[in-house]
Amino acid sequence: MIKVGKGRYIFGMVKVGERGQIVIPKEAREKFDIKHGDSLLVLGDEEKGIAIVKAELMKSFALKILESMGEK
């Protein structure tokens, strides 16, 4: 793992298997508390690349947005 800025890391390279699967490096799983059975959301931008985010984080973010939409 290489720290490249505040809260930013390079965890190394992974290869995509024939079924399209990747292995998230152990250091990344530990740093972001990713465990067996966790749901991850894959986001993509054709120009910037992909991001993998824990689904529970996105759910809480979406709920905050919805809650704020109801406030006037």
N, C-alpha and C. Protein backbone atom coordinates (compact mmCIF):
# COMPACT_ATOMS: atom_id res chain seq x y z
N MET A 1 0.85 -1.17 0.00
CA MET A 1 0.00 0.00 0.00
C MET A 1 0.89 1.23 0.00
N ILE A 2 0.52 2.18 -0.85
CA ILE A 2 1.25 3.45 -0.93
C ILE A 2 0.27 4.58 -0.65
N LYS A 3 0.55 5.41 0.32
CA LYS A 3 -0.29 6.56 0.61
C LYS A 3 0.12 7.68 -0.35
N VAL A 4 -0.86 8.21 -1.10
CA VAL A 4 -0.54 9.21 -2.11
C VAL A 4 -1.18 10.57 -1.81
N GLY A 5 -1.74 10.70 -0.64
CA GLY A 5 -2.37 11.95 -0.23
C GLY A 5 -3.24 11.68 0.97
N LYS A 6 -3.86 12.72 1.48
CA LYS A 6 -4.70 12.56 2.66
C LYS A 6 -5.89 11.66 2.33
N GLY A 7 -5.90 10.48 2.93
CA GLY A 7 -6.98 9.52 2.72
C GLY A 7 -6.96 8.83 1.37
N ARG A 8 -5.87 8.95 0.62
CA ARG A 8 -5.79 8.34 -0.71
C ARG A 8 -4.64 7.34 -0.75
N TYR A 9 -4.91 6.18 -1.35
CA TYR A 9 -3.94 5.08 -1.34
C TYR A 9 -3.91 4.38 -2.69
N ILE A 10 -2.79 3.76 -2.96
CA ILE A 10 -2.69 2.80 -4.06
C ILE A 10 -2.45 1.45 -3.39
N PHE A 11 -3.35 0.52 -3.63
CA PHE A 11 -3.25 -0.79 -2.99
C PHE A 11 -2.59 -1.84 -3.88
N GLY A 12 -2.22 -1.47 -5.08
CA GLY A 12 -1.60 -2.42 -5.99
C GLY A 12 -2.54 -2.78 -7.12
N MET A 13 -2.09 -3.68 -7.95
CA MET A 13 -2.88 -4.07 -9.12
C MET A 13 -3.57 -5.41 -8.86
N VAL A 14 -4.70 -5.58 -9.50
CA VAL A 14 -5.41 -6.86 -9.46
C VAL A 14 -5.71 -7.27 -10.90
N LYS A 15 -5.92 -8.55 -11.11
CA LYS A 15 -6.29 -9.05 -12.43
C LYS A 15 -7.75 -9.46 -12.42
N VAL A 16 -8.40 -9.26 -13.53
CA VAL A 16 -9.79 -9.67 -13.69
C VAL A 16 -9.77 -11.12 -14.15
N GLY A 17 -10.49 -11.98 -13.41
CA GLY A 17 -10.59 -13.38 -13.78
C GLY A 17 -11.52 -13.58 -14.96
N GLU A 18 -11.58 -14.81 -15.46
CA GLU A 18 -12.39 -15.08 -16.65
C GLU A 18 -13.88 -14.86 -16.42
N ARG A 19 -14.32 -14.86 -15.16
CA ARG A 19 -15.72 -14.59 -14.85
C ARG A 19 -15.95 -13.12 -14.48
N GLY A 20 -14.95 -12.27 -14.70
CA GLY A 20 -15.08 -10.85 -14.42
C GLY A 20 -14.86 -10.48 -12.96
N GLN A 21 -14.33 -11.40 -12.18
CA GLN A 21 -14.14 -11.16 -10.75
C GLN A 21 -12.76 -10.60 -10.46
N ILE A 22 -12.69 -9.78 -9.41
CA ILE A 22 -11.40 -9.29 -8.92
C ILE A 22 -11.31 -9.61 -7.42
N VAL A 23 -10.11 -9.63 -6.91
CA VAL A 23 -9.88 -9.79 -5.48
C VAL A 23 -9.45 -8.44 -4.93
N ILE A 24 -10.17 -7.94 -3.94
CA ILE A 24 -9.80 -6.68 -3.31
C ILE A 24 -8.64 -6.98 -2.36
N PRO A 25 -7.52 -6.28 -2.51
CA PRO A 25 -6.36 -6.56 -1.67
C PRO A 25 -6.70 -6.48 -0.17
N LYS A 26 -6.06 -7.35 0.60
CA LYS A 26 -6.31 -7.44 2.04
C LYS A 26 -6.16 -6.09 2.73
N GLU A 27 -5.12 -5.34 2.39
CA GLU A 27 -4.91 -4.03 3.03
C GLU A 27 -6.09 -3.09 2.76
N ALA A 28 -6.65 -3.14 1.56
CA ALA A 28 -7.80 -2.30 1.22
C ALA A 28 -9.04 -2.76 2.00
N ARG A 29 -9.24 -4.07 2.10
CA ARG A 29 -10.39 -4.59 2.86
C ARG A 29 -10.28 -4.18 4.32
N GLU A 30 -9.08 -4.26 4.88
CA GLU A 30 -8.89 -3.86 6.28
C GLU A 30 -9.10 -2.36 6.47
N LYS A 31 -8.52 -1.55 5.59
CA LYS A 31 -8.60 -0.09 5.69
C LYS A 31 -10.06 0.39 5.61
N PHE A 32 -10.86 -0.25 4.74
CA PHE A 32 -12.23 0.17 4.53
C PHE A 32 -13.26 -0.75 5.17
N ASP A 33 -12.79 -1.63 6.05
CA ASP A 33 -13.66 -2.53 6.81
C ASP A 33 -14.63 -3.31 5.93
N ILE A 34 -14.10 -3.90 4.86
CA ILE A 34 -14.90 -4.72 3.96
C ILE A 34 -14.77 -6.17 4.40
N LYS A 35 -15.93 -6.77 4.67
CA LYS A 35 -15.94 -8.15 5.17
C LYS A 35 -16.76 -9.05 4.26
N HIS A 36 -16.57 -10.35 4.43
CA HIS A 36 -17.34 -11.35 3.69
C HIS A 36 -18.83 -11.06 3.83
N GLY A 37 -19.54 -11.04 2.74
CA GLY A 37 -20.98 -10.82 2.78
C GLY A 37 -21.40 -9.36 2.61
N ASP A 38 -20.46 -8.42 2.70
CA ASP A 38 -20.80 -7.01 2.49
C ASP A 38 -21.25 -6.81 1.05
N SER A 39 -22.18 -5.88 0.86
CA SER A 39 -22.61 -5.50 -0.49
C SER A 39 -21.83 -4.27 -0.91
N LEU A 40 -21.33 -4.31 -2.14
CA LEU A 40 -20.57 -3.19 -2.68
C LEU A 40 -21.28 -2.66 -3.93
N LEU A 41 -21.23 -1.37 -4.12
CA LEU A 41 -21.83 -0.72 -5.27
C LEU A 41 -20.70 -0.32 -6.22
N VAL A 42 -20.84 -0.66 -7.49
CA VAL A 42 -19.83 -0.31 -8.48
C VAL A 42 -20.38 0.85 -9.31
N LEU A 43 -19.66 1.96 -9.29
CA LEU A 43 -20.04 3.15 -10.04
C LEU A 43 -19.05 3.34 -11.18
N GLY A 44 -19.49 3.92 -12.27
CA GLY A 44 -18.57 4.10 -13.39
C GLY A 44 -18.76 5.40 -14.13
N ASP A 45 -17.66 5.91 -14.64
CA ASP A 45 -17.64 7.09 -15.49
C ASP A 45 -16.70 6.74 -16.64
N GLU A 46 -17.20 6.81 -17.87
CA GLU A 46 -16.39 6.38 -19.01
C GLU A 46 -15.08 7.14 -19.15
N GLU A 47 -15.02 8.37 -18.64
CA GLU A 47 -13.79 9.15 -18.76
C GLU A 47 -12.89 9.03 -17.53
N LYS A 48 -13.49 8.85 -16.33
CA LYS A 48 -12.70 8.86 -15.10
C LYS A 48 -12.43 7.48 -14.52
N GLY A 49 -13.21 6.48 -14.90
CA GLY A 49 -12.98 5.13 -14.40
C GLY A 49 -14.09 4.63 -13.50
N ILE A 50 -13.78 3.65 -12.66
CA ILE A 50 -14.78 3.05 -11.78
C ILE A 50 -14.43 3.29 -10.32
N ALA A 51 -15.45 3.18 -9.50
CA ALA A 51 -15.27 3.28 -8.04
C ALA A 51 -16.11 2.19 -7.41
N ILE A 52 -15.62 1.64 -6.33
CA ILE A 52 -16.33 0.61 -5.58
C ILE A 52 -16.58 1.16 -4.18
N VAL A 53 -17.85 1.19 -3.78
CA VAL A 53 -18.25 1.81 -2.52
C VAL A 53 -19.12 0.83 -1.74
N LYS A 54 -18.94 0.81 -0.42
CA LYS A 54 -19.81 -0.03 0.41
C LYS A 54 -21.25 0.45 0.25
N ALA A 55 -22.16 -0.45 -0.04
CA ALA A 55 -23.55 -0.10 -0.30
C ALA A 55 -24.20 0.59 0.90
N GLU A 56 -23.83 0.18 2.12
CA GLU A 56 -24.43 0.78 3.32
C GLU A 56 -24.09 2.27 3.42
N LEU A 57 -22.91 2.67 2.94
CA LEU A 57 -22.55 4.09 2.96
C LEU A 57 -23.40 4.88 1.98
N MET A 58 -23.62 4.30 0.81
CA MET A 58 -24.43 4.99 -0.19
C MET A 58 -25.89 5.05 0.26
N LYS A 59 -26.36 4.02 0.94
CA LYS A 59 -27.74 4.01 1.43
C LYS A 59 -27.95 5.15 2.42
N SER A 60 -27.02 5.31 3.37
CA SER A 60 -27.17 6.37 4.36
C SER A 60 -27.06 7.74 3.70
N PHE A 61 -26.21 7.87 2.68
CA PHE A 61 -26.08 9.13 1.94
C PHE A 61 -27.38 9.44 1.21
N ALA A 62 -27.97 8.44 0.56
CA ALA A 62 -29.23 8.64 -0.17
C ALA A 62 -30.35 9.03 0.79
N LEU A 63 -30.39 8.40 1.96
CA LEU A 63 -31.42 8.75 2.95
C LEU A 63 -31.28 10.18 3.41
N LYS A 64 -30.06 10.67 3.62
CA LYS A 64 -29.83 12.05 4.01
C LYS A 64 -30.32 13.02 2.93
N ILE A 65 -30.08 12.66 1.68
CA ILE A 65 -30.55 13.51 0.57
C ILE A 65 -32.08 13.55 0.58
N LEU A 66 -32.71 12.40 0.70
CA LEU A 66 -34.17 12.34 0.70
C LEU A 66 -34.76 13.10 1.87
N GLU A 67 -34.13 12.98 3.03
CA GLU A 67 -34.61 13.70 4.21
C GLU A 67 -34.52 15.21 4.00
N SER A 68 -33.41 15.67 3.41
CA SER A 68 -33.23 17.10 3.19
C SER A 68 -34.21 17.63 2.13
N MET A 69 -34.66 16.78 1.23
CA MET A 69 -35.62 17.21 0.21
C MET A 69 -36.98 17.52 0.83
N GLY A 70 -37.27 16.87 1.96
CA GLY A 70 -38.55 17.10 2.63
C GLY A 70 -38.57 18.34 3.49
N GLU A 71 -37.38 18.89 3.77
CA GLU A 71 -37.31 20.07 4.63
C GLU A 71 -37.46 21.35 3.80
N LYS A 72 -38.18 22.30 4.35
CA LYS A 72 -38.35 23.58 3.64
C LYS A 72 -38.09 24.72 4.57
